[in-house]
């Protein structure tokens, strides 16, 4: 089932702000998580502890990946579930 838009509900104190988003790349949390991935890859470039480096890089990549996967689900409930995984 293809969706044109998805409703994003953001808590703002006692009020709720509703935004229509057409793709997960529009989410601020996805953009910030991608910046984190880039920063971690740059910071750990010279790290000689390959196990630690690889684990941290995989963990960082999992954040935007879970957001994207949750967005592709068919319901807002599934999307919200994937947003709360990380």
PDB file of N, CA and C in Angstrom:
ATOM      1  N   UNK A   1       0.834  -1.177   0.000  1.00  0.00           N
ATOM      2  CA  UNK A   1       0.000   0.000   0.000  1.00  0.00           C
ATOM      3  C   UNK A   1       0.879   1.240   0.000  1.00  0.00           C
ATOM      4  N   UNK A   2       0.779   2.058  -0.983  1.00  0.00           N
ATOM      5  CA  UNK A   2       1.608   3.257  -1.140  1.00  0.00           C
ATOM      6  C   UNK A   2       0.935   4.445  -0.459  1.00  0.00           C
ATOM      7  N   UNK A   3       1.700   5.221   0.268  1.00  0.00           N
ATOM      8  CA  UNK A   3       1.169   6.414   0.915  1.00  0.00           C
ATOM      9  C   UNK A   3       1.780   7.657   0.283  1.00  0.00           C
ATOM     10  N   UNK A   4       0.984   8.700   0.145  1.00  0.00           N
ATOM     11  CA  UNK A   4       1.491   9.968  -0.357  1.00  0.00           C
ATOM     12  C   UNK A   4       2.080  10.788   0.785  1.00  0.00           C
ATOM     13  N   UNK A   5       1.412  10.773   1.916  1.00  0.00           N
ATOM     14  CA  UNK A   5       1.880  11.537   3.065  1.00  0.00           C
ATOM     15  C   UNK A   5       1.662  10.718   4.326  1.00  0.00           C
ATOM     16  N   UNK A   6       2.351  11.096   5.370  1.00  0.00           N
ATOM     17  CA  UNK A   6       2.193  10.461   6.681  1.00  0.00           C
ATOM     18  C   UNK A   6       2.110  11.591   7.694  1.00  0.00           C
ATOM     19  N   UNK A   7       1.304  11.388   8.698  1.00  0.00           N
ATOM     20  CA  UNK A   7       1.148  12.416   9.705  1.00  0.00           C
ATOM     21  C   UNK A   7       2.195  12.227  10.787  1.00  0.00           C
ATOM     22  N   UNK A   8       2.899  13.287  11.093  1.00  0.00           N
ATOM     23  CA  UNK A   8       3.921  13.255  12.125  1.00  0.00           C
ATOM     24  C   UNK A   8       3.432  14.092  13.290  1.00  0.00           C
ATOM     25  N   UNK A   9       3.359  13.518  14.468  1.00  0.00           N
ATOM     26  CA  UNK A   9       2.885  14.229  15.652  1.00  0.00           C
ATOM     27  C   UNK A   9       4.066  14.484  16.565  1.00  0.00           C
ATOM     28  N   UNK A  10       4.301  15.751  16.838  1.00  0.00           N
ATOM     29  CA  UNK A  10       5.406  16.145  17.705  1.00  0.00           C
ATOM     30  C   UNK A  10       4.837  16.781  18.966  1.00  0.00           C
ATOM     31  N   UNK A  11       5.303  16.315  20.119  1.00  0.00           N
ATOM     32  CA  UNK A  11       4.860  16.914  21.370  1.00  0.00           C
ATOM     33  C   UNK A  11       5.550  18.246  21.602  1.00  0.00           C
ATOM     34  N   UNK A  12       4.785  19.257  21.963  1.00  0.00           N
ATOM     35  CA  UNK A  12       5.324  20.587  22.225  1.00  0.00           C
ATOM     36  C   UNK A  12       4.652  21.092  23.491  1.00  0.00           C
ATOM     37  N   UNK A  13       5.180  20.722  24.645  1.00  0.00           N
ATOM     38  CA  UNK A  13       4.522  21.057  25.896  1.00  0.00           C
ATOM     39  C   UNK A  13       3.210  20.298  25.996  1.00  0.00           C
ATOM     40  N   UNK A  14       2.116  21.030  26.198  1.00  0.00           N
ATOM     41  CA  UNK A  14       0.797  20.407  26.259  1.00  0.00           C
ATOM     42  C   UNK A  14       0.130  20.328  24.902  1.00  0.00           C
ATOM     43  N   UNK A  15       0.657  21.054  23.939  1.00  0.00           N
ATOM     44  CA  UNK A  15       0.031  21.055  22.619  1.00  0.00           C
ATOM     45  C   UNK A  15       0.736  20.066  21.701  1.00  0.00           C
ATOM     46  N   UNK A  16       0.025  19.630  20.689  1.00  0.00           N
ATOM     47  CA  UNK A  16       0.602  18.740  19.692  1.00  0.00           C
ATOM     48  C   UNK A  16       0.670  19.471  18.369  1.00  0.00           C
ATOM     49  N   UNK A  17       1.783  19.341  17.692  1.00  0.00           N
ATOM     50  CA  UNK A  17       1.980  19.943  16.384  1.00  0.00           C
ATOM     51  C   UNK A  17       1.895  18.827  15.358  1.00  0.00           C
ATOM     52  N   UNK A  18       0.995  18.965  14.389  1.00  0.00           N
ATOM     53  CA  UNK A  18       0.833  17.934  13.368  1.00  0.00           C
ATOM     54  C   UNK A  18       1.406  18.442  12.055  1.00  0.00           C
ATOM     55  N   UNK A  19       2.292  17.651  11.472  1.00  0.00           N
ATOM     56  CA  UNK A  19       2.921  17.991  10.205  1.00  0.00           C
ATOM     57  C   UNK A  19       2.675  16.873   9.216  1.00  0.00           C
ATOM     58  N   UNK A  20       2.542  17.205   7.952  1.00  0.00           N
ATOM     59  CA  UNK A  20       2.459  16.194   6.910  1.00  0.00           C
ATOM     60  C   UNK A  20       3.851  16.027   6.315  1.00  0.00           C
ATOM     61  N   UNK A  21       4.315  14.800   6.278  1.00  0.00           N
ATOM     62  CA  UNK A  21       5.614  14.532   5.671  1.00  0.00           C
ATOM     63  C   UNK A  21       5.397  13.519   4.554  1.00  0.00           C
ATOM     64  N   UNK A  22       6.109  13.706   3.471  1.00  0.00           N
ATOM     65  CA  UNK A  22       5.918  12.814   2.345  1.00  0.00           C
ATOM     66  C   UNK A  22       7.027  11.769   2.233  1.00  0.00           C
ATOM     67  N   UNK A  23       8.118  11.955   2.968  1.00  0.00           N
ATOM     68  CA  UNK A  23       9.210  10.985   2.945  1.00  0.00           C
ATOM     69  C   UNK A  23       9.980  11.078   4.259  1.00  0.00           C
ATOM     70  N   UNK A  24      10.625   9.984   4.617  1.00  0.00           N
ATOM     71  CA  UNK A  24      11.316   9.970   5.910  1.00  0.00           C
ATOM     72  C   UNK A  24      12.485  10.945   5.950  1.00  0.00           C
ATOM     73  N   UNK A  25      13.014  11.303   4.785  1.00  0.00           N
ATOM     74  CA  UNK A  25      14.121  12.254   4.740  1.00  0.00           C
ATOM     75  C   UNK A  25      13.706  13.649   5.219  1.00  0.00           C
ATOM     76  N   UNK A  26      12.412  13.908   5.318  1.00  0.00           N
ATOM     77  CA  UNK A  26      11.914  15.190   5.811  1.00  0.00           C
ATOM     78  C   UNK A  26      11.964  15.284   7.337  1.00  0.00           C
ATOM     79  N   UNK A  27      12.110  14.163   8.016  1.00  0.00           N
ATOM     80  CA  UNK A  27      12.125  14.155   9.473  1.00  0.00           C
ATOM     81  C   UNK A  27      13.441  14.717  10.012  1.00  0.00           C
ATOM     82  N   UNK A  28      13.318  15.604  10.968  1.00  0.00           N
ATOM     83  CA  UNK A  28      14.509  16.205  11.584  1.00  0.00           C
ATOM     84  C   UNK A  28      15.342  15.132  12.278  1.00  0.00           C
ATOM     85  N   UNK A  29      14.689  14.192  12.936  1.00  0.00           N
ATOM     86  CA  UNK A  29      15.416  13.138  13.641  1.00  0.00           C
ATOM     87  C   UNK A  29      16.231  12.294  12.660  1.00  0.00           C
ATOM     88  N   UNK A  30      15.718  12.053  11.456  1.00  0.00           N
ATOM     89  CA  UNK A  30      16.475  11.286  10.455  1.00  0.00           C
ATOM     90  C   UNK A  30      17.686  12.094   9.993  1.00  0.00           C
ATOM     91  N   UNK A  31      17.492  13.380   9.744  1.00  0.00           N
ATOM     92  CA  UNK A  31      18.603  14.237   9.304  1.00  0.00           C
ATOM     93  C   UNK A  31      19.704  14.293  10.366  1.00  0.00           C
ATOM     94  N   UNK A  32      19.297  14.462  11.622  1.00  0.00           N
ATOM     95  CA  UNK A  32      20.271  14.529  12.712  1.00  0.00           C
ATOM     96  C   UNK A  32      21.007  13.199  12.875  1.00  0.00           C
ATOM     97  N   UNK A  33      20.286  12.096  12.706  1.00  0.00           N
ATOM     98  CA  UNK A  33      20.943  10.796  12.843  1.00  0.00           C
ATOM     99  C   UNK A  33      21.948  10.565  11.715  1.00  0.00           C
ATOM    100  N   UNK A  34      21.665  11.080  10.531  1.00  0.00           N
ATOM    101  CA  UNK A  34      22.625  10.968   9.434  1.00  0.00           C
ATOM    102  C   UNK A  34      23.878  11.804   9.714  1.00  0.00           C
ATOM    103  N   UNK A  35      23.697  12.973  10.320  1.00  0.00           N
ATOM    104  CA  UNK A  35      24.859  13.780  10.712  1.00  0.00           C
ATOM    105  C   UNK A  35      25.699  13.039  11.748  1.00  0.00           C
ATOM    106  N   UNK A  36      25.020  12.344  12.659  1.00  0.00           N
ATOM    107  CA  UNK A  36      25.730  11.555  13.666  1.00  0.00           C
ATOM    108  C   UNK A  36      26.535  10.435  13.015  1.00  0.00           C
ATOM    109  N   UNK A  37      25.949   9.749  12.038  1.00  0.00           N
ATOM    110  CA  UNK A  37      26.652   8.678  11.333  1.00  0.00           C
ATOM    111  C   UNK A  37      27.929   9.215  10.693  1.00  0.00           C
ATOM    112  N   UNK A  38      27.824  10.323  10.004  1.00  0.00           N
ATOM    113  CA  UNK A  38      28.984  10.920   9.335  1.00  0.00           C
ATOM    114  C   UNK A  38      30.052  11.303  10.354  1.00  0.00           C
ATOM    115  N   UNK A  39      29.614  11.913  11.467  1.00  0.00           N
ATOM    116  CA  UNK A  39      30.555  12.333  12.499  1.00  0.00           C
ATOM    117  C   UNK A  39      31.284  11.129  13.107  1.00  0.00           C
ATOM    118  N   UNK A  40      30.546  10.062  13.384  1.00  0.00           N
ATOM    119  CA  UNK A  40      31.166   8.870  13.969  1.00  0.00           C
ATOM    120  C   UNK A  40      32.158   8.240  12.993  1.00  0.00           C
ATOM    121  N   UNK A  41      31.790   8.139  11.725  1.00  0.00           N
ATOM    122  CA  UNK A  41      32.719   7.576  10.738  1.00  0.00           C
ATOM    123  C   UNK A  41      33.995   8.409  10.657  1.00  0.00           C
ATOM    124  N   UNK A  42      33.872   9.735  10.689  1.00  0.00           N
ATOM    125  CA  UNK A  42      35.063  10.598  10.619  1.00  0.00           C
ATOM    126  C   UNK A  42      35.914  10.478  11.875  1.00  0.00           C
ATOM    127  N   UNK A  43      35.270  10.463  13.043  1.00  0.00           N
ATOM    128  CA  UNK A  43      36.003  10.401  14.305  1.00  0.00           C
ATOM    129  C   UNK A  43      36.728   9.069  14.487  1.00  0.00           C
ATOM    130  N   UNK A  44      36.141   8.002  14.006  1.00  0.00           N
ATOM    131  CA  UNK A  44      36.710   6.671  14.224  1.00  0.00           C
ATOM    132  C   UNK A  44      37.562   6.191  13.059  1.00  0.00           C
ATOM    133  N   UNK A  45      37.832   7.056  12.113  1.00  0.00           N
ATOM    134  CA  UNK A  45      38.586   6.677  10.919  1.00  0.00           C
ATOM    135  C   UNK A  45      39.942   6.065  11.273  1.00  0.00           C
ATOM    136  N   UNK A  46      40.630   6.623  12.256  1.00  0.00           N
ATOM    137  CA  UNK A  46      41.970   6.152  12.610  1.00  0.00           C
ATOM    138  C   UNK A  46      41.979   5.203  13.806  1.00  0.00           C
ATOM    139  N   UNK A  47      40.818   4.833  14.315  1.00  0.00           N
ATOM    140  CA  UNK A  47      40.723   3.943  15.478  1.00  0.00           C
ATOM    141  C   UNK A  47      41.277   2.564  15.125  1.00  0.00           C
ATOM    142  N   UNK A  48      42.196   2.073  15.947  1.00  0.00           N
ATOM    143  CA  UNK A  48      42.819   0.769  15.687  1.00  0.00           C
ATOM    144  C   UNK A  48      42.081  -0.378  16.363  1.00  0.00           C
ATOM    145  N   UNK A  49      41.155  -0.046  17.226  1.00  0.00           N
ATOM    146  CA  UNK A  49      40.327  -1.085  17.853  1.00  0.00           C
ATOM    147  C   UNK A  49      39.169  -1.357  16.893  1.00  0.00           C
ATOM    148  N   UNK A  50      39.416  -2.253  15.953  1.00  0.00           N
ATOM    149  CA  UNK A  50      38.481  -2.478  14.849  1.00  0.00           C
ATOM    150  C   UNK A  50      37.138  -3.009  15.319  1.00  0.00           C
ATOM    151  N   UNK A  51      37.124  -3.818  16.347  1.00  0.00           N
ATOM    152  CA  UNK A  51      35.860  -4.334  16.867  1.00  0.00           C
ATOM    153  C   UNK A  51      34.990  -3.217  17.415  1.00  0.00           C
ATOM    154  N   UNK A  52      35.592  -2.346  18.230  1.00  0.00           N
ATOM    155  CA  UNK A  52      34.858  -1.214  18.791  1.00  0.00           C
ATOM    156  C   UNK A  52      34.392  -0.275  17.679  1.00  0.00           C
ATOM    157  N   UNK A  53      35.291   0.030  16.747  1.00  0.00           N
ATOM    158  CA  UNK A  53      34.954   0.930  15.646  1.00  0.00           C
ATOM    159  C   UNK A  53      33.778   0.385  14.844  1.00  0.00           C
ATOM    160  N   UNK A  54      33.844  -0.882  14.471  1.00  0.00           N
ATOM    161  CA  UNK A  54      32.783  -1.476  13.661  1.00  0.00           C
ATOM    162  C   UNK A  54      31.448  -1.501  14.408  1.00  0.00           C
ATOM    163  N   UNK A  55      31.497  -1.835  15.693  1.00  0.00           N
ATOM    164  CA  UNK A  55      30.277  -1.891  16.484  1.00  0.00           C
ATOM    165  C   UNK A  55      29.638  -0.503  16.603  1.00  0.00           C
ATOM    166  N   UNK A  56      30.437   0.523  16.837  1.00  0.00           N
ATOM    167  CA  UNK A  56      29.906   1.881  16.957  1.00  0.00           C
ATOM    168  C   UNK A  56      29.344   2.376  15.622  1.00  0.00           C
ATOM    169  N   UNK A  57      30.001   2.041  14.534  1.00  0.00           N
ATOM    170  CA  UNK A  57      29.510   2.445  13.220  1.00  0.00           C
ATOM    171  C   UNK A  57      28.194   1.744  12.897  1.00  0.00           C
ATOM    172  N   UNK A  58      28.113   0.453  13.190  1.00  0.00           N
ATOM    173  CA  UNK A  58      26.849  -0.278  12.936  1.00  0.00           C
ATOM    174  C   UNK A  58      25.722   0.279  13.794  1.00  0.00           C
ATOM    175  N   UNK A  59      26.016   0.602  15.047  1.00  0.00           N
ATOM    176  CA  UNK A  59      24.991   1.152  15.938  1.00  0.00           C
ATOM    177  C   UNK A  59      24.493   2.497  15.422  1.00  0.00           C
ATOM    178  N   UNK A  60      25.410   3.328  14.949  1.00  0.00           N
ATOM    179  CA  UNK A  60      25.023   4.636  14.430  1.00  0.00           C
ATOM    180  C   UNK A  60      24.159   4.499  13.180  1.00  0.00           C
ATOM    181  N   UNK A  61      24.525   3.598  12.296  1.00  0.00           N
ATOM    182  CA  UNK A  61      23.776   3.393  11.047  1.00  0.00           C
ATOM    183  C   UNK A  61      22.395   2.818  11.327  1.00  0.00           C
ATOM    184  N   UNK A  62      22.249   2.074  12.416  1.00  0.00           N
ATOM    185  CA  UNK A  62      20.952   1.462  12.704  1.00  0.00           C
ATOM    186  C   UNK A  62      19.881   2.498  13.018  1.00  0.00           C
ATOM    187  N   UNK A  63      20.255   3.675  13.509  1.00  0.00           N
ATOM    188  CA  UNK A  63      19.262   4.692  13.866  1.00  0.00           C
ATOM    189  C   UNK A  63      18.506   5.182  12.626  1.00  0.00           C
ATOM    190  N   UNK A  64      19.185   5.745  11.610  1.00  0.00           N
ATOM    191  CA  UNK A  64      18.425   6.177  10.433  1.00  0.00           C
ATOM    192  C   UNK A  64      17.808   5.003   9.678  1.00  0.00           C
ATOM    193  N   UNK A  65      18.421   3.829   9.765  1.00  0.00           N
ATOM    194  CA  UNK A  65      17.863   2.651   9.097  1.00  0.00           C
ATOM    195  C   UNK A  65      16.521   2.260   9.708  1.00  0.00           C
ATOM    196  N   UNK A  66      16.427   2.283  11.044  1.00  0.00           N
ATOM    197  CA  UNK A  66      15.167   1.955  11.714  1.00  0.00           C
ATOM    198  C   UNK A  66      14.093   2.991  11.401  1.00  0.00           C
ATOM    199  N   UNK A  67      14.477   4.244  11.310  1.00  0.00           N
ATOM    200  CA  UNK A  67      13.511   5.288  10.960  1.00  0.00           C
ATOM    201  C   UNK A  67      12.976   5.044   9.558  1.00  0.00           C
ATOM    202  N   UNK A  68      13.866   4.767   8.617  1.00  0.00           N
ATOM    203  CA  UNK A  68      13.450   4.523   7.231  1.00  0.00           C
ATOM    204  C   UNK A  68      12.576   3.275   7.139  1.00  0.00           C
ATOM    205  N   UNK A  69      12.963   2.206   7.836  1.00  0.00           N
ATOM    206  CA  UNK A  69      12.177   0.977   7.782  1.00  0.00           C
ATOM    207  C   UNK A  69      10.799   1.182   8.391  1.00  0.00           C
ATOM    208  N   UNK A  70      10.745   1.885   9.513  1.00  0.00           N
ATOM    209  CA  UNK A  70       9.459   2.159  10.146  1.00  0.00           C
ATOM    210  C   UNK A  70       8.560   3.015   9.280  1.00  0.00           C
ATOM    211  N   UNK A  71       9.135   3.942   8.565  1.00  0.00           N
ATOM    212  CA  UNK A  71       8.343   4.800   7.691  1.00  0.00           C
ATOM    213  C   UNK A  71       7.705   4.000   6.569  1.00  0.00           C
ATOM    214  N   UNK A  72       8.397   2.997   6.087  1.00  0.00           N
ATOM    215  CA  UNK A  72       7.884   2.192   4.980  1.00  0.00           C
ATOM    216  C   UNK A  72       6.800   1.212   5.413  1.00  0.00           C
ATOM    217  N   UNK A  73       6.559   1.102   6.712  1.00  0.00           N
ATOM    218  CA  UNK A  73       5.478   0.242   7.191  1.00  0.00           C
ATOM    219  C   UNK A  73       4.141   0.834   6.793  1.00  0.00           C
ATOM    220  N   UNK A  74       3.091   0.029   6.880  1.00  0.00           N
ATOM    221  CA  UNK A  74       1.785   0.441   6.380  1.00  0.00           C
ATOM    222  C   UNK A  74       0.970   1.309   7.329  1.00  0.00           C
ATOM    223  N   UNK A  75       1.341   1.369   8.596  1.00  0.00           N
ATOM    224  CA  UNK A  75       0.517   2.128   9.532  1.00  0.00           C
ATOM    225  C   UNK A  75       1.366   3.107  10.339  1.00  0.00           C
ATOM    226  N   UNK A  76       0.712   4.134  10.851  1.00  0.00           N
ATOM    227  CA  UNK A  76       1.401   5.086  11.725  1.00  0.00           C
ATOM    228  C   UNK A  76       1.869   4.403  13.004  1.00  0.00           C
ATOM    229  N   UNK A  77       1.114   3.402  13.484  1.00  0.00           N
ATOM    230  CA  UNK A  77       1.490   2.688  14.705  1.00  0.00           C
ATOM    231  C   UNK A  77       2.840   1.994  14.520  1.00  0.00           C
ATOM    232  N   UNK A  78       3.034   1.319  13.393  1.00  0.00           N
ATOM    233  CA  UNK A  78       4.322   0.676  13.114  1.00  0.00           C
ATOM    234  C   UNK A  78       5.428   1.707  12.999  1.00  0.00           C
ATOM    235  N   UNK A  79       5.152   2.822  12.340  1.00  0.00           N
ATOM    236  CA  UNK A  79       6.138   3.879  12.184  1.00  0.00           C
ATOM    237  C   UNK A  79       6.580   4.412  13.541  1.00  0.00           C
ATOM    238  N   UNK A  80       5.637   4.672  14.419  1.00  0.00           N
ATOM    239  CA  UNK A  80       5.949   5.180  15.762  1.00  0.00           C
ATOM    240  C   UNK A  80       6.761   4.143  16.535  1.00  0.00           C
ATOM    241  N   UNK A  81       6.413   2.857  16.391  1.00  0.00           N
ATOM    242  CA  UNK A  81       7.172   1.792  17.051  1.00  0.00           C
ATOM    243  C   UNK A  81       8.637   1.826  16.625  1.00  0.00           C
ATOM    244  N   UNK A  82       8.903   1.941  15.333  1.00  0.00           N
ATOM    245  CA  UNK A  82      10.283   1.962  14.848  1.00  0.00           C
ATOM    246  C   UNK A  82      11.016   3.226  15.278  1.00  0.00           C
ATOM    247  N   UNK A  83      10.306   4.331  15.421  1.00  0.00           N
ATOM    248  CA  UNK A  83      10.940   5.563  15.898  1.00  0.00           C
ATOM    249  C   UNK A  83      11.420   5.405  17.336  1.00  0.00           C
ATOM    250  N   UNK A  84      10.716   4.601  18.117  1.00  0.00           N
ATOM    251  CA  UNK A  84      11.059   4.449  19.536  1.00  0.00           C
ATOM    252  C   UNK A  84      12.065   3.339  19.803  1.00  0.00           C
ATOM    253  N   UNK A  85      12.501   2.610  18.780  1.00  0.00           N
ATOM    254  CA  UNK A  85      13.477   1.540  18.978  1.00  0.00           C
ATOM    255  C   UNK A  85      14.797   2.091  19.484  1.00  0.00           C
ATOM    256  N   UNK A  86      15.254   3.178  18.921  1.00  0.00           N
ATOM    257  CA  UNK A  86      16.544   3.706  19.328  1.00  0.00           C
ATOM    258  C   UNK A  86      16.359   4.606  20.500  1.00  0.00           C
TER     259      UNK A  86
END
